[in-house]
């Protein structure tokens, strides 16, 4: 009998042995380990090479690369240049060692030489890349020209490019597999750049353009036969990275398959929107610096989206609508409407309701008027009569949507003043098929009126009793009260 048993090959905590751990991950097939490492940041995946000899090469099997230099934001300026060189060298070495890349993401906070960006893109094209997300400020933005081979990559499905560099689109573009295209703060060289780019993307399903401008660009031409989702944002007027050379421009949208449109823009000189027969949702925000001479542009824009089913008009856009000289188009398919009219008034509301015969849901996202700081409010405005535009004069004839279809009305940030109550009274009295009226109040509103918590609670109770006593045109209408103790700042939309 062996009086000296073999030593226990395990871990010890004090005098008690633990069960020996089995390295199951290392026994997995190499391709499966590569998939696991692909879900990690590339820096972490490469770091696994120190675990053992067998793990030394596993990281080269990753098919997804993810680089980010944000750590350099917190380093000393004296070593930042050295860290940038080290980071660029690391990306170079990884691209040399990996065998296959399907997905590549590079987010840079620091500016790099254009040669680095172009070399990385050229290397990725050789791997038949499917998803490319490149956000890299370059030192000389006007000289940044991506490799021409990028615009003929037949395997590319997702392309995201930014920020603040020139995108020189070649005369011929061939991206037959591209379905998602996002451009952030990209500068185009001429009017036809966007059109040439989209013509070469016959399968494009989603397009996002954020602050994409150009010194010599007067037309943004978006023509895509199968595009279903479009987001276009241009919130900064005369925005060309430090200059004021942005030309007046027009926007052309020809997308017959479009289902969702988000347009946040300064008023263009011309909106040519056509073939939006299938549009379901539209979010429209026109900047507050509105020129009344652009009335026709706003009318044409609304005419182009008149087939929409769910419409959100943000506060600045409603001001522009209010100044339109011509009549609004008829929204035959509109069933859900969200309005953020704020402090610009409600003079146009009667016409909008009359032009929406099938409306079923109506949300006033900022109540009858937006909250404002009483300390900053100019009391002289009352004497000037400027506040009169807050008041709404109900139409002489009740819109058909109130008589036949409107089922849900919601007031957000309801304050309970006379304007709020008068509007609610009108809708309760005339909405004959109304099923629910939702009144949402914010517990912090009382602060704007120098109310104590107790005084505001009493005010809310008084308002509630007044609402419950109002006559209702619908026998089935229920009033629902929602009190938010904290303003979470979220938007409300039935869409």
Protein backbone atom coordinates (compact mmCIF):
# COMPACT_ATOMS: atom_id res chain seq x y z
CA UNK A 1 0.00 0.00 0.00
CA UNK A 2 1.35 3.37 -0.99
CA UNK A 3 1.75 5.35 2.19
CA UNK A 4 2.43 8.50 0.19
CA UNK A 5 -0.46 9.19 -2.17
CA UNK A 6 0.27 11.40 -5.16
CA UNK A 7 -0.01 15.11 -4.52
CA UNK A 8 -3.39 16.68 -5.22
CA UNK A 9 -3.19 18.63 -8.43
CA UNK A 10 -5.54 21.43 -7.70
CA UNK A 11 -5.82 24.74 -5.99
CA UNK A 12 -5.65 25.21 -2.24
CA UNK A 13 -7.31 27.77 -0.03
CA UNK A 14 -5.71 27.41 3.38
CA UNK A 15 -5.50 23.64 3.97
CA UNK A 16 -8.56 22.70 1.94
CA UNK A 17 -8.06 21.67 -1.70
CA UNK A 18 -10.43 23.00 -4.32
CA UNK A 19 -11.73 20.99 -7.25
CA UNK A 20 -9.33 21.25 -10.14
CA UNK A 21 -10.57 23.64 -12.85
CA UNK A 22 -10.83 22.30 -16.37
CA UNK A 23 -9.87 24.59 -19.25
CA UNK A 24 -12.86 23.93 -21.46
CA UNK A 25 -12.47 27.05 -23.60
CA UNK A 26 -9.05 25.97 -24.90
CA UNK A 27 -10.55 22.67 -25.98
CA UNK A 28 -13.12 24.34 -28.21
CA UNK A 29 -12.61 24.30 -31.98
CA UNK A 30 -10.33 27.09 -33.18
CA UNK A 31 -12.99 28.72 -35.36
CA UNK A 32 -15.39 28.90 -32.40
CA UNK A 33 -12.70 30.54 -30.25
CA UNK A 34 -12.21 33.03 -33.06
CA UNK A 35 -15.92 33.89 -32.98
CA UNK A 36 -15.79 34.43 -29.21
CA UNK A 37 -12.78 36.72 -29.49
CA UNK A 38 -14.50 38.64 -32.28
CA UNK A 39 -17.10 39.83 -29.79
CA UNK A 40 -14.40 41.52 -27.66
CA UNK A 41 -12.60 44.82 -28.25
CA UNK A 42 -9.61 44.07 -30.46
CA UNK A 43 -7.14 45.22 -27.80
CA UNK A 44 -8.59 42.64 -25.38
CA UNK A 45 -8.61 39.89 -28.00
CA UNK A 46 -4.92 40.48 -28.81
CA UNK A 47 -4.09 40.46 -25.09
CA UNK A 48 -5.19 36.79 -24.85
CA UNK A 49 -2.03 35.83 -26.75
CA UNK A 50 -0.10 35.87 -23.44
CA UNK A 51 -2.23 33.13 -21.87
CA UNK A 52 -0.31 30.19 -23.34
CA UNK A 53 1.55 29.03 -26.43
CA UNK A 54 -1.65 27.64 -27.90
CA UNK A 55 -3.44 30.96 -27.39
CA UNK A 56 -0.66 32.94 -29.03
CA UNK A 57 -2.29 32.75 -32.47
CA UNK A 58 -5.98 32.48 -31.61
CA UNK A 59 -6.58 36.23 -31.85
CA UNK A 60 -5.60 36.19 -35.53
CA UNK A 61 -8.80 34.21 -36.19
CA UNK A 62 -11.08 37.13 -35.29
CA UNK A 63 -13.38 38.34 -38.06
CA UNK A 64 -14.49 41.54 -36.31
CA UNK A 65 -12.07 44.33 -35.39
CA UNK A 66 -12.94 47.19 -33.05
CA UNK A 67 -10.47 50.03 -32.36
CA UNK A 68 -10.97 53.13 -30.23
CA UNK A 69 -8.37 55.71 -29.17
CA UNK A 70 -10.56 57.50 -26.61
CA UNK A 71 -8.09 56.71 -23.80
CA UNK A 72 -5.82 59.36 -25.30
CA UNK A 73 -8.31 62.05 -24.31
CA UNK A 74 -7.13 61.77 -20.73
CA UNK A 75 -3.38 61.53 -21.30
CA UNK A 76 -0.81 64.31 -21.02
CA UNK A 77 -0.17 66.35 -24.15
CA UNK A 78 3.53 65.62 -23.89
CA UNK A 79 2.99 61.93 -24.62
CA UNK A 80 -0.07 62.18 -26.86
CA UNK A 81 1.91 62.22 -30.12
CA UNK A 82 3.82 59.09 -29.10
CA UNK A 83 0.59 57.32 -28.16
CA UNK A 84 -0.94 58.22 -31.51
CA UNK A 85 2.00 56.66 -33.33
CA UNK A 86 1.73 53.59 -31.12
CA UNK A 87 -2.01 53.30 -31.79
CA UNK A 88 -1.58 53.62 -35.56
CA UNK A 89 1.21 51.04 -35.46
CA UNK A 90 -1.02 48.67 -33.49
CA UNK A 91 -3.78 48.91 -36.11
CA UNK A 92 -1.21 48.28 -38.85
CA UNK A 93 0.15 45.15 -37.13
CA UNK A 94 -3.30 43.70 -36.51
CA UNK A 95 -4.36 44.17 -40.13
CA UNK A 96 -1.18 42.42 -41.24
CA UNK A 97 -1.77 39.37 -39.01
CA UNK A 98 -5.49 38.64 -39.31
CA UNK A 99 -6.64 36.25 -42.00
CA UNK A 100 -10.22 37.41 -42.55
CA UNK A 101 -12.15 40.56 -41.64
CA UNK A 102 -15.94 40.87 -42.03
CA UNK A 103 -16.53 43.82 -39.73
CA UNK A 104 -14.24 46.76 -38.94
CA UNK A 105 -14.95 49.64 -36.57
CA UNK A 106 -12.51 52.49 -35.93
CA UNK A 107 -13.47 55.44 -33.70
CA UNK A 108 -10.78 58.08 -33.31
CA UNK A 109 -10.82 61.20 -31.18
CA UNK A 110 -7.42 62.39 -32.40
CA UNK A 111 -6.53 63.61 -35.89
CA UNK A 112 -4.40 61.29 -38.01
CA UNK A 113 -2.52 61.69 -41.24
CA UNK A 114 -4.63 60.90 -44.29
CA UNK A 115 -2.16 58.20 -45.36
CA UNK A 116 -3.04 56.09 -42.33
CA UNK A 117 -6.78 56.16 -43.03
CA UNK A 118 -6.35 55.35 -46.70
CA UNK A 119 -3.91 52.51 -46.01
CA UNK A 120 -6.30 50.92 -43.52
CA UNK A 121 -9.25 51.15 -45.92
CA UNK A 122 -7.17 49.71 -48.77
CA UNK A 123 -6.18 46.75 -46.59
CA UNK A 124 -9.78 46.08 -45.58
CA UNK A 125 -11.02 46.03 -49.16
CA UNK A 126 -8.65 43.13 -49.85
CA UNK A 127 -10.39 41.18 -47.07
CA UNK A 128 -13.75 41.60 -48.83
CA UNK A 129 -15.10 43.60 -45.88
CA UNK A 130 -18.86 43.53 -45.19
CA UNK A 131 -19.26 46.22 -42.50
CA UNK A 132 -17.05 49.30 -42.30
CA UNK A 133 -17.53 51.93 -39.58
CA UNK A 134 -14.83 54.57 -39.89
CA UNK A 135 -14.86 57.75 -37.82
CA UNK A 136 -11.49 59.44 -38.01
CA UNK A 137 -10.70 63.16 -38.14
CA UNK A 138 -7.77 63.78 -40.45
CA UNK A 139 -5.21 66.56 -40.12
CA UNK A 140 -6.05 68.14 -43.47
CA UNK A 141 -9.73 67.49 -44.12
CA UNK A 142 -9.77 69.00 -47.61
CA UNK A 143 -7.13 66.52 -48.78
CA UNK A 144 -8.81 63.39 -47.50
CA UNK A 145 -9.61 61.21 -50.48
CA UNK A 146 -10.63 57.64 -49.67
CA UNK A 147 -9.30 54.94 -51.99
CA UNK A 148 -11.36 54.65 -55.16
CA UNK A 149 -11.58 50.90 -54.62
CA UNK A 150 -13.90 51.57 -51.66
CA UNK A 151 -16.60 52.69 -54.09
CA UNK A 152 -16.43 49.40 -56.00
CA UNK A 153 -16.40 46.98 -53.07
CA UNK A 154 -18.97 44.36 -54.04
CA UNK A 155 -19.14 42.75 -50.58
CA UNK A 156 -19.83 45.89 -48.53
CA UNK A 157 -23.22 45.78 -46.77
CA UNK A 158 -22.86 48.50 -44.10
CA UNK A 159 -20.81 51.68 -44.57
CA UNK A 160 -20.51 54.42 -41.92
CA UNK A 161 -18.14 57.33 -42.54
CA UNK A 162 -17.17 60.41 -40.51
CA UNK A 163 -16.06 62.97 -39.57
CA UNK A 164 -15.22 66.32 -41.13
CA UNK A 165 -13.41 65.27 -44.27
CA UNK A 166 -13.89 65.57 -48.01
CA UNK A 167 -15.59 62.64 -49.71
CA UNK A 168 -14.65 62.72 -53.38
CA UNK A 169 -17.15 60.44 -55.07
CA UNK A 170 -15.79 59.00 -58.33
CA UNK A 171 -17.72 59.17 -61.58
CA UNK A 172 -18.58 55.47 -61.31
CA UNK A 173 -19.78 53.84 -58.08
CA UNK A 174 -20.56 50.13 -57.76
CA UNK A 175 -21.72 49.00 -54.32
CA UNK A 176 -24.25 46.30 -55.26
CA UNK A 177 -24.60 44.82 -51.75
CA UNK A 178 -24.74 48.04 -49.70
CA UNK A 179 -27.91 48.28 -47.58
CA UNK A 180 -26.99 50.79 -44.84
CA UNK A 181 -25.14 54.07 -45.41
CA UNK A 182 -24.45 56.62 -42.64
CA UNK A 183 -22.50 59.81 -43.32
CA UNK A 184 -21.57 62.11 -40.44
CA UNK A 185 -20.16 65.61 -41.07
CA UNK A 186 -18.87 64.58 -44.47
CA UNK A 187 -18.15 67.30 -47.00
CA UNK A 188 -19.05 66.78 -50.66
CA UNK A 189 -17.21 68.38 -53.54
CA UNK A 190 -20.10 69.17 -55.92
CA UNK A 191 -23.86 69.01 -56.46
CA UNK A 192 -23.82 65.59 -58.13
CA UNK A 193 -21.77 63.83 -55.44
CA UNK A 194 -24.72 62.48 -53.46
CA UNK A 195 -26.60 61.52 -56.61
CA UNK A 196 -23.59 59.62 -58.05
CA UNK A 197 -23.08 57.82 -54.76
CA UNK A 198 -26.68 56.66 -54.43
CA UNK A 199 -27.00 55.61 -58.06
CA UNK A 200 -24.26 53.07 -57.38
CA UNK A 201 -26.17 51.60 -54.40
CA UNK A 202 -29.19 49.84 -55.97
CA UNK A 203 -30.01 47.85 -52.80
CA UNK A 204 -29.71 50.71 -50.29
CA UNK A 205 -32.36 50.35 -47.56
CA UNK A 206 -31.27 52.93 -44.95
CA UNK A 207 -29.59 56.31 -45.38
CA UNK A 208 -28.46 58.71 -42.66
CA UNK A 209 -26.88 62.10 -43.37
CA UNK A 210 -25.82 64.33 -40.50
CA UNK A 211 -24.40 67.81 -41.16
CA UNK A 212 -23.23 66.84 -44.63
CA UNK A 213 -22.47 70.01 -46.56
CA UNK A 214 -19.98 71.43 -49.02
CA UNK A 215 -18.71 74.80 -50.19
CA UNK A 216 -19.89 74.23 -53.75
CA UNK A 217 -22.97 72.13 -52.95
CA UNK A 218 -26.35 73.72 -53.65
CA UNK A 219 -28.40 70.55 -54.21
CA UNK A 220 -28.83 67.45 -52.05
CA UNK A 221 -30.31 64.90 -54.45
CA UNK A 222 -31.55 61.74 -52.71
CA UNK A 223 -32.82 59.25 -55.24
CA UNK A 224 -32.95 55.59 -54.18
CA UNK A 225 -35.56 53.15 -55.52
CA UNK A 226 -35.69 50.70 -52.56
CA UNK A 227 -34.79 53.05 -49.69
CA UNK A 228 -37.17 52.58 -46.73
CA UNK A 229 -35.56 54.75 -44.01
CA UNK A 230 -34.10 58.25 -44.40
CA UNK A 231 -32.64 60.51 -41.71
CA UNK A 232 -31.39 63.92 -42.83
CA UNK A 233 -30.10 66.40 -40.26
CA UNK A 234 -28.71 69.85 -40.81
CA UNK A 235 -29.18 71.87 -37.64
CA UNK A 236 -26.24 74.25 -38.01
CA UNK A 237 -26.77 77.09 -40.43
CA UNK A 238 -23.71 78.17 -42.45
CA UNK A 239 -21.83 75.29 -40.94
CA UNK A 240 -18.66 74.41 -42.81
CA UNK A 241 -16.21 73.72 -40.00
CA UNK A 242 -15.35 77.26 -39.08
CA UNK A 243 -16.41 79.07 -42.25
CA UNK A 244 -19.63 80.70 -43.42
CA UNK A 245 -19.49 79.60 -47.05
CA UNK A 246 -22.45 77.25 -47.21
CA UNK A 247 -24.60 78.13 -50.19
CA UNK A 248 -28.36 78.33 -50.23
CA UNK A 249 -29.57 74.95 -51.31
CA UNK A 250 -32.47 72.72 -52.25
CA UNK A 251 -33.32 69.17 -51.27
CA UNK A 252 -34.67 66.63 -53.75
CA UNK A 253 -36.14 63.39 -52.36
CA UNK A 254 -37.32 60.73 -54.80
CA UNK A 255 -37.73 57.50 -52.83
CA UNK A 256 -40.87 55.53 -53.81
CA UNK A 257 -40.32 52.77 -51.21
CA UNK A 258 -39.70 55.12 -48.25
CA UNK A 259 -41.49 54.21 -45.02
CA UNK A 260 -39.76 56.46 -42.46
CA UNK A 261 -38.53 60.04 -42.87
CA UNK A 262 -36.72 62.18 -40.31
CA UNK A 263 -35.97 65.67 -41.59
CA UNK A 264 -34.30 68.19 -39.29
CA UNK A 265 -33.22 71.17 -41.31
CA UNK A 266 -33.01 74.90 -41.84
CA UNK A 267 -35.59 75.85 -44.41
CA UNK A 268 -34.23 75.08 -47.84
CA UNK A 269 -35.06 77.27 -50.80
CA UNK A 270 -36.76 74.31 -52.48
CA UNK A 271 -38.09 70.99 -51.23
CA UNK A 272 -38.85 68.69 -54.13
CA UNK A 273 -40.38 65.61 -52.52
CA UNK A 274 -42.03 63.10 -54.81
CA UNK A 275 -43.16 59.50 -55.05
CA UNK A 276 -43.59 59.06 -51.27
CA UNK A 277 -46.72 56.98 -51.74
CA UNK A 278 -45.88 54.39 -49.06
CA UNK A 279 -44.60 56.63 -46.26
CA UNK A 280 -45.73 55.58 -42.79
CA UNK A 281 -43.93 57.86 -40.32
CA UNK A 282 -42.46 61.33 -40.69
CA UNK A 283 -40.66 63.50 -38.13
CA UNK A 284 -40.30 67.06 -39.38
CA UNK A 285 -38.40 69.85 -37.65
CA UNK A 286 -37.64 73.12 -39.38
CA UNK A 287 -35.22 75.49 -37.65
CA UNK A 288 -36.64 78.52 -35.86
CA UNK A 289 -34.89 81.10 -38.05
CA UNK A 290 -37.64 80.93 -40.60
CA UNK A 291 -37.85 83.28 -43.55
CA UNK A 292 -41.42 83.97 -44.67
CA UNK A 293 -40.24 83.96 -48.28
CA UNK A 294 -39.79 80.19 -47.93
CA UNK A 295 -43.52 79.62 -47.55
CA UNK A 296 -43.75 77.70 -50.82
CA UNK A 297 -40.88 75.42 -49.78
CA UNK A 298 -42.75 74.38 -46.61
CA UNK A 299 -45.97 73.86 -48.55
CA UNK A 300 -44.17 71.67 -51.09
CA UNK A 301 -42.57 69.65 -48.30
CA UNK A 302 -45.92 68.95 -46.63
CA UNK A 303 -47.48 68.18 -49.98
CA UNK A 304 -44.75 65.64 -50.63
CA UNK A 305 -45.45 63.76 -47.39
CA UNK A 306 -49.24 64.10 -47.49
CA UNK A 307 -49.67 60.30 -47.69
CA UNK A 308 -48.06 59.84 -44.26
CA UNK A 309 -49.86 57.84 -41.56
CA UNK A 310 -48.02 59.09 -38.46
CA UNK A 311 -46.71 62.67 -38.38
CA UNK A 312 -44.65 64.50 -35.76
CA UNK A 313 -44.33 68.25 -36.30
CA UNK A 314 -41.75 69.73 -34.01
CA UNK A 315 -42.10 73.15 -32.48
CA UNK A 316 -40.04 75.11 -35.02
CA UNK A 317 -41.84 73.49 -37.91
CA UNK A 318 -45.24 74.45 -36.56
CA UNK A 319 -44.11 78.09 -36.52
CA UNK A 320 -43.20 77.78 -40.18
CA UNK A 321 -46.56 76.12 -40.92
CA UNK A 322 -48.33 78.99 -39.20
CA UNK A 323 -46.77 81.44 -41.67
CA UNK A 324 -47.74 79.52 -44.80
CA UNK A 325 -49.86 81.64 -47.12
CA UNK A 326 -51.44 78.81 -49.10
CA UNK A 327 -53.67 76.05 -47.78
CA UNK A 328 -52.29 72.87 -46.30
CA UNK A 329 -52.61 69.64 -48.30
CA UNK A 330 -55.15 67.02 -47.25
CA UNK A 331 -53.62 64.20 -45.20
CA UNK A 332 -55.95 61.39 -46.26
CA UNK A 333 -54.05 58.62 -44.46
CA UNK A 334 -53.00 60.45 -41.30
CA UNK A 335 -54.18 58.61 -38.19
CA UNK A 336 -51.63 59.76 -35.59
CA UNK A 337 -50.43 63.34 -35.07
CA UNK A 338 -47.90 64.62 -32.51
CA UNK A 339 -47.53 68.38 -32.14
CA UNK A 340 -44.79 70.23 -30.30
CA UNK A 341 -46.06 73.73 -30.97
CA UNK A 342 -44.75 75.34 -27.82
CA UNK A 343 -44.84 79.12 -27.56
CA UNK A 344 -45.52 79.86 -31.22
CA UNK A 345 -49.28 79.69 -31.13
CA UNK A 346 -52.20 77.63 -32.38
CA UNK A 347 -53.69 79.75 -35.15
CA UNK A 348 -53.02 77.04 -37.75
CA UNK A 349 -54.42 74.11 -35.72
CA UNK A 350 -57.97 74.39 -37.01
CA UNK A 351 -56.80 74.10 -40.61
CA UNK A 352 -54.56 71.14 -39.81
CA UNK A 353 -57.42 69.27 -38.13
CA UNK A 354 -59.72 70.03 -41.03
CA UNK A 355 -57.12 68.56 -43.41
CA UNK A 356 -56.79 65.32 -41.39
CA UNK A 357 -60.18 63.59 -41.78
CA UNK A 358 -59.01 60.15 -40.59
CA UNK A 359 -57.12 61.29 -37.48
CA UNK A 360 -57.46 58.85 -34.55
CA UNK A 361 -54.73 59.95 -32.11
CA UNK A 362 -53.65 63.49 -31.23
CA UNK A 363 -50.79 64.33 -28.83
CA UNK A 364 -49.83 67.81 -27.65
CA UNK A 365 -46.30 66.99 -26.63
CA UNK A 366 -45.69 70.26 -24.83
CA UNK A 367 -49.21 70.96 -23.71
CA UNK A 368 -50.95 74.15 -24.69
CA UNK A 369 -47.68 76.05 -24.39
CA UNK A 370 -44.17 75.20 -23.27
CA UNK A 371 -42.90 75.82 -19.79
CA UNK A 372 -40.82 78.96 -19.42
CA UNK A 373 -38.94 80.69 -16.66
CA UNK A 374 -41.05 83.46 -15.15
CA UNK A 375 -37.90 85.31 -14.14
CA UNK A 376 -36.84 85.53 -17.79
CA UNK A 377 -40.29 86.30 -19.17
CA UNK A 378 -40.72 89.90 -20.27
CA UNK A 379 -43.93 91.16 -18.72
CA UNK A 380 -44.00 93.93 -21.31
CA UNK A 381 -44.87 91.24 -23.86
CA UNK A 382 -48.32 91.09 -22.32
CA UNK A 383 -48.78 94.79 -22.94
CA UNK A 384 -47.62 94.38 -26.51
CA UNK A 385 -50.18 91.67 -27.10
CA UNK A 386 -47.55 89.12 -28.15
CA UNK A 387 -49.14 86.47 -25.94
CA UNK A 388 -52.36 86.59 -27.98
CA UNK A 389 -50.89 84.16 -30.45
CA UNK A 390 -50.97 81.54 -27.69
CA UNK A 391 -54.76 81.53 -27.78
CA UNK A 392 -56.65 79.30 -30.13
CA UNK A 393 -59.87 80.33 -31.78
CA UNK A 394 -61.90 77.15 -32.37
CA UNK A 395 -63.21 76.68 -35.91
CA UNK A 396 -66.83 77.52 -36.63
CA UNK A 397 -67.35 74.08 -38.16
CA UNK A 398 -66.21 71.06 -36.17
CA UNK A 399 -63.57 69.11 -38.15
CA UNK A 400 -64.83 65.75 -39.39
CA UNK A 401 -62.07 63.84 -37.60
CA UNK A 402 -63.53 64.92 -34.23
CA UNK A 403 -66.98 63.74 -35.23
CA UNK A 404 -66.00 60.41 -36.75
CA UNK A 405 -62.52 59.11 -35.88
CA UNK A 406 -60.58 60.82 -33.08
CA UNK A 407 -60.29 58.29 -30.23
CA UNK A 408 -57.29 59.37 -28.12
CA UNK A 409 -56.07 62.83 -27.09
CA UNK A 410 -53.08 63.43 -24.85
CA UNK A 411 -51.82 66.64 -23.26
CA UNK A 412 -48.25 66.49 -21.94
CA UNK A 413 -47.01 69.05 -19.39
CA UNK A 414 -50.57 70.12 -18.73
CA UNK A 415 -50.57 73.24 -16.53
CA UNK A 416 -54.26 73.79 -15.98
CA UNK A 417 -54.47 77.47 -16.88
CA UNK A 418 -57.31 78.97 -18.87
CA UNK A 419 -55.73 78.20 -22.22
CA UNK A 420 -55.30 74.52 -21.34
CA UNK A 421 -58.84 74.22 -19.99
CA UNK A 422 -60.46 75.99 -22.94
CA UNK A 423 -58.77 73.71 -25.44
CA UNK A 424 -59.61 70.56 -23.46
CA UNK A 425 -63.22 71.71 -23.12
CA UNK A 426 -63.50 72.13 -26.89
CA UNK A 427 -62.18 68.65 -27.62
CA UNK A 428 -64.28 66.98 -24.92
CA UNK A 429 -67.42 68.70 -26.14
CA UNK A 430 -66.92 67.98 -29.85
CA UNK A 431 -65.00 64.70 -30.11
CA UNK A 432 -68.02 62.42 -30.38
CA UNK A 433 -66.15 59.08 -30.55
CA UNK A 434 -63.38 59.96 -28.10
CA UNK A 435 -62.41 56.99 -25.93
CA UNK A 436 -59.62 58.41 -23.78
CA UNK A 437 -58.31 61.81 -22.77
CA UNK A 438 -54.89 61.59 -21.09
CA UNK A 439 -53.77 64.51 -18.95
CA UNK A 440 -50.12 64.35 -17.96
CA UNK A 441 -48.85 66.90 -15.47
CA UNK A 442 -45.35 67.49 -14.25
CA UNK A 443 -44.82 67.83 -10.52
CA UNK A 444 -42.15 70.46 -11.13
CA UNK A 445 -44.40 72.80 -13.12
CA UNK A 446 -45.43 74.65 -9.97
CA UNK A 447 -41.90 75.94 -9.55
CA UNK A 448 -42.34 78.03 -12.68
CA UNK A 449 -45.20 79.83 -10.96
CA UNK A 450 -43.55 80.19 -7.56
CA UNK A 451 -45.97 77.69 -6.00
CA UNK A 452 -45.22 75.69 -2.89
CA UNK A 453 -45.76 71.95 -3.06
CA UNK A 454 -48.96 72.25 -1.05
CA UNK A 455 -50.28 75.08 -3.20
CA UNK A 456 -49.53 73.20 -6.38
CA UNK A 457 -51.23 70.05 -5.04
CA UNK A 458 -54.32 72.14 -4.30
CA UNK A 459 -54.10 73.64 -7.78
CA UNK A 460 -53.95 70.18 -9.34
CA UNK A 461 -56.97 69.04 -7.37
CA UNK A 462 -58.92 72.09 -8.47
CA UNK A 463 -57.97 71.52 -12.12
CA UNK A 464 -58.90 67.85 -11.86
CA UNK A 465 -62.36 68.69 -10.55
CA UNK A 466 -62.89 71.22 -13.35
CA UNK A 467 -61.91 68.64 -15.97
CA UNK A 468 -64.23 66.01 -14.56
CA UNK A 469 -67.13 68.47 -14.66
CA UNK A 470 -66.67 69.41 -18.31
CA UNK A 471 -69.39 68.18 -20.71
CA UNK A 472 -68.42 65.31 -22.99
CA UNK A 473 -69.64 64.65 -26.49
CA UNK A 474 -68.66 60.99 -26.20
CA UNK A 475 -70.49 58.79 -23.68
CA UNK A 476 -67.59 56.33 -23.55
CA UNK A 477 -64.77 58.84 -22.96
CA UNK A 478 -62.54 58.21 -19.95
CA UNK A 479 -60.18 60.82 -18.48
CA UNK A 480 -56.85 59.47 -17.31
CA UNK A 481 -54.56 61.56 -15.09
CA UNK A 482 -50.80 60.97 -15.03
CA UNK A 483 -48.62 62.92 -12.59
CA UNK A 484 -44.88 62.87 -13.10
CA UNK A 485 -42.91 63.82 -10.05
CA UNK A 486 -39.74 64.42 -12.05
CA UNK A 487 -39.36 65.74 -15.55
CA UNK A 488 -37.59 62.92 -17.34
CA UNK A 489 -37.34 64.92 -20.55
CA UNK A 490 -38.64 62.09 -22.71
CA UNK A 491 -40.83 62.59 -25.74
CA UNK A 492 -44.28 61.08 -26.05
CA UNK A 493 -45.48 59.60 -29.27
CA UNK A 494 -48.15 57.06 -30.14
CA UNK A 495 -46.30 56.25 -33.34
